[in-house]
Amino acid sequence: MNNNDTAQSSDIIALEEKLDDLIKHYDLLKIENKSLKIKQEELVREKAKLIEKTSSARHQVESMITRLKSMEHGA
């Protein structure tokens, strides 16, 4: 094996190591992305529940105000 073959072999090994690192990084990012998507779905559902509760509370308050106004006019 001459110096040129040794240099190419070293380059290939270095490239394989970089590729392995990229694959590991990709796998970690893929896991993180899946986790973030699940969390986002949970937050979207939580937001929808909060919007519904807020709407319900608003209607209840509006109903109470209407009843108070009618009591005021009736008195």
N, C-alpha and C. Protein backbone atom coordinates (compact mmCIF):
# COMPACT_ATOMS: atom_id res chain seq x y z
N MET A 1 0.84 -1.17 0.00
CA MET A 1 0.00 0.00 0.00
C MET A 1 0.89 1.24 0.00
N ASN A 2 0.64 2.15 -0.93
CA ASN A 2 1.47 3.35 -0.98
C ASN A 2 0.82 4.49 -0.21
N ASN A 3 1.48 5.63 -0.19
CA ASN A 3 0.99 6.79 0.57
C ASN A 3 -0.36 7.29 0.05
N ASN A 4 -0.56 7.21 -1.26
CA ASN A 4 -1.82 7.67 -1.85
C ASN A 4 -2.98 6.80 -1.38
N ASP A 5 -2.75 5.48 -1.34
CA ASP A 5 -3.79 4.56 -0.86
C ASP A 5 -4.09 4.80 0.61
N THR A 6 -3.05 5.05 1.39
CA THR A 6 -3.23 5.31 2.82
C THR A 6 -4.02 6.59 3.04
N ALA A 7 -3.74 7.62 2.27
CA ALA A 7 -4.46 8.90 2.39
C ALA A 7 -5.92 8.72 2.01
N GLN A 8 -6.17 7.97 0.95
CA GLN A 8 -7.55 7.72 0.52
C GLN A 8 -8.30 6.91 1.57
N SER A 9 -7.61 5.94 2.14
CA SER A 9 -8.22 5.11 3.18
C SER A 9 -8.56 5.96 4.40
N SER A 10 -7.68 6.86 4.78
CA SER A 10 -7.94 7.76 5.91
C SER A 10 -9.11 8.69 5.60
N ASP A 11 -9.16 9.18 4.36
CA ASP A 11 -10.27 10.05 3.95
C ASP A 11 -11.60 9.31 4.01
N ILE A 12 -11.60 8.06 3.57
CA ILE A 12 -12.82 7.26 3.59
C ILE A 12 -13.26 7.01 5.03
N ILE A 13 -12.33 6.70 5.89
CA ILE A 13 -12.65 6.47 7.31
C ILE A 13 -13.22 7.74 7.93
N ALA A 14 -12.61 8.88 7.65
CA ALA A 14 -13.09 10.16 8.19
C ALA A 14 -14.49 10.46 7.66
N LEU A 15 -14.71 10.18 6.37
CA LEU A 15 -16.02 10.40 5.78
C LEU A 15 -17.07 9.48 6.40
N GLU A 16 -16.72 8.22 6.63
CA GLU A 16 -17.63 7.28 7.28
C GLU A 16 -17.99 7.75 8.69
N GLU A 17 -17.01 8.28 9.41
CA GLU A 17 -17.26 8.78 10.77
C GLU A 17 -18.20 9.99 10.74
N LYS A 18 -17.96 10.88 9.79
CA LYS A 18 -18.85 12.04 9.65
C LYS A 18 -20.26 11.61 9.28
N LEU A 19 -20.36 10.64 8.39
CA LEU A 19 -21.66 10.13 7.99
C LEU A 19 -22.37 9.48 9.17
N ASP A 20 -21.66 8.71 9.97
CA ASP A 20 -22.24 8.09 11.17
C ASP A 20 -22.75 9.16 12.13
N ASP A 21 -21.96 10.23 12.32
CA ASP A 21 -22.38 11.34 13.19
C ASP A 21 -23.64 12.02 12.64
N LEU A 22 -23.70 12.21 11.34
CA LEU A 22 -24.88 12.82 10.73
C LEU A 22 -26.12 11.94 10.90
N ILE A 23 -25.94 10.64 10.76
CA ILE A 23 -27.06 9.71 10.93
C ILE A 23 -27.56 9.75 12.37
N LYS A 24 -26.63 9.76 13.32
CA LYS A 24 -27.02 9.84 14.73
C LYS A 24 -27.76 11.14 15.01
N HIS A 25 -27.25 12.24 14.48
CA HIS A 25 -27.88 13.55 14.67
C HIS A 25 -29.27 13.56 14.03
N TYR A 26 -29.39 12.99 12.85
CA TYR A 26 -30.69 12.89 12.17
C TYR A 26 -31.68 12.10 13.02
N ASP A 27 -31.24 10.97 13.56
CA ASP A 27 -32.12 10.14 14.38
C ASP A 27 -32.59 10.91 15.62
N LEU A 28 -31.68 11.64 16.25
CA LEU A 28 -32.06 12.45 17.42
C LEU A 28 -33.07 13.53 17.04
N LEU A 29 -32.84 14.19 15.92
CA LEU A 29 -33.76 15.24 15.47
C LEU A 29 -35.12 14.66 15.11
N LYS A 30 -35.11 13.47 14.54
CA LYS A 30 -36.37 12.81 14.18
C LYS A 30 -37.19 12.50 15.44
N ILE A 31 -36.53 12.03 16.48
CA ILE A 31 -37.20 11.75 17.76
C ILE A 31 -37.71 13.04 18.37
N GLU A 32 -36.87 14.07 18.37
CA GLU A 32 -37.27 15.37 18.93
C GLU A 32 -38.46 15.94 18.17
N ASN A 33 -38.44 15.83 16.86
CA ASN A 33 -39.53 16.34 16.03
C ASN A 33 -40.83 15.62 16.35
N LYS A 34 -40.77 14.32 16.50
CA LYS A 34 -41.98 13.55 16.84
C LYS A 34 -42.52 13.99 18.20
N SER A 35 -41.62 14.17 19.15
CA SER A 35 -42.02 14.62 20.48
C SER A 35 -42.66 16.00 20.43
N LEU A 36 -42.10 16.89 19.65
CA LEU A 36 -42.64 18.25 19.52
C LEU A 36 -44.02 18.24 18.84
N LYS A 37 -44.19 17.36 17.87
CA LYS A 37 -45.50 17.27 17.21
C LYS A 37 -46.56 16.77 18.18
N ILE A 38 -46.21 15.80 19.01
CA ILE A 38 -47.15 15.28 20.01
C ILE A 38 -47.50 16.39 20.99
N LYS A 39 -46.50 17.13 21.46
CA LYS A 39 -46.73 18.23 22.39
C LYS A 39 -47.61 19.30 21.75
N GLN A 40 -47.36 19.59 20.48
CA GLN A 40 -48.17 20.59 19.78
C GLN A 40 -49.63 20.14 19.70
N GLU A 41 -49.86 18.87 19.41
CA GLU A 41 -51.22 18.35 19.35
C GLU A 41 -51.91 18.48 20.71
N GLU A 42 -51.16 18.19 21.78
CA GLU A 42 -51.72 18.34 23.13
C GLU A 42 -52.09 19.78 23.40
N LEU A 43 -51.22 20.70 23.02
CA LEU A 43 -51.47 22.12 23.26
C LEU A 43 -52.65 22.62 22.44
N VAL A 44 -52.79 22.13 21.22
CA VAL A 44 -53.93 22.53 20.38
C VAL A 44 -55.23 22.06 21.02
N ARG A 45 -55.23 20.81 21.54
CA ARG A 45 -56.45 20.31 22.21
C ARG A 45 -56.74 21.11 23.47
N GLU A 46 -55.70 21.44 24.23
CA GLU A 46 -55.88 22.23 25.46
C GLU A 46 -56.42 23.62 25.11
N LYS A 47 -55.90 24.21 24.06
CA LYS A 47 -56.37 25.53 23.64
C LYS A 47 -57.85 25.48 23.26
N ALA A 48 -58.24 24.44 22.54
CA ALA A 48 -59.64 24.30 22.14
C ALA A 48 -60.54 24.19 23.37
N LYS A 49 -60.10 23.42 24.37
CA LYS A 49 -60.89 23.30 25.60
C LYS A 49 -61.01 24.64 26.31
N LEU A 50 -59.91 25.39 26.37
CA LEU A 50 -59.93 26.69 27.02
C LEU A 50 -60.82 27.68 26.28
N ILE A 51 -60.79 27.63 24.96
CA ILE A 51 -61.66 28.50 24.17
C ILE A 51 -63.12 28.17 24.46
N GLU A 52 -63.44 26.88 24.52
CA GLU A 52 -64.81 26.47 24.82
C GLU A 52 -65.23 26.92 26.22
N LYS A 53 -64.34 26.75 27.21
CA LYS A 53 -64.66 27.19 28.58
C LYS A 53 -64.86 28.70 28.64
N THR A 54 -64.02 29.43 27.94
CA THR A 54 -64.13 30.89 27.91
C THR A 54 -65.45 31.31 27.28
N SER A 55 -65.79 30.67 26.20
CA SER A 55 -67.06 30.97 25.53
C SER A 55 -68.24 30.67 26.44
N SER A 56 -68.20 29.54 27.12
CA SER A 56 -69.27 29.17 28.04
C SER A 56 -69.39 30.19 29.17
N ALA A 57 -68.25 30.57 29.73
CA ALA A 57 -68.26 31.55 30.82
C ALA A 57 -68.80 32.89 30.33
N ARG A 58 -68.42 33.28 29.11
CA ARG A 58 -68.91 34.55 28.55
C ARG A 58 -70.43 34.52 28.42
N HIS A 59 -70.97 33.42 27.94
CA HIS A 59 -72.43 33.31 27.78
C HIS A 59 -73.13 33.34 29.13
N GLN A 60 -72.53 32.71 30.12
CA GLN A 60 -73.13 32.72 31.46
C GLN A 60 -73.14 34.13 32.03
N VAL A 61 -72.04 34.85 31.87
CA VAL A 61 -71.96 36.23 32.37
C VAL A 61 -72.96 37.12 31.63
N GLU A 62 -73.04 36.95 30.31
CA GLU A 62 -74.00 37.74 29.53
C GLU A 62 -75.42 37.44 29.98
N SER A 63 -75.71 36.18 30.25
CA SER A 63 -77.04 35.79 30.72
C SER A 63 -77.34 36.43 32.08
N MET A 64 -76.36 36.42 32.98
CA MET A 64 -76.55 37.04 34.30
C MET A 64 -76.79 38.54 34.16
N ILE A 65 -76.05 39.18 33.29
CA ILE A 65 -76.21 40.62 33.08
C ILE A 65 -77.62 40.91 32.55
N THR A 66 -78.06 40.09 31.61
CA THR A 66 -79.41 40.27 31.06
C THR A 66 -80.46 40.10 32.16
N ARG A 67 -80.32 39.08 33.00
CA ARG A 67 -81.28 38.87 34.09
C ARG A 67 -81.24 40.02 35.08
N LEU A 68 -80.06 40.51 35.40
CA LEU A 68 -79.94 41.65 36.33
C LEU A 68 -80.62 42.89 35.75
N LYS A 69 -80.41 43.12 34.46
CA LYS A 69 -81.03 44.30 33.81
C LYS A 69 -82.55 44.17 33.83
N SER A 70 -83.07 42.95 33.57
CA SER A 70 -84.51 42.78 33.57
C SER A 70 -85.05 42.91 34.99
N MET A 71 -84.32 42.47 35.99
CA MET A 71 -84.75 42.64 37.38
C MET A 71 -84.76 44.12 37.74
N GLU A 72 -83.76 44.84 37.25
CA GLU A 72 -83.65 46.27 37.52
C GLU A 72 -84.84 47.03 36.91
N HIS A 73 -85.21 46.66 35.69
CA HIS A 73 -86.32 47.32 35.00
C HIS A 73 -87.66 46.90 35.62
N GLY A 74 -87.73 45.72 36.19
CA GLY A 74 -88.95 45.23 36.79
C GLY A 74 -89.18 45.79 38.17
N ALA A 75 -88.13 46.27 38.78
CA ALA A 75 -88.26 46.76 40.17
C ALA A 75 -88.80 48.16 40.28
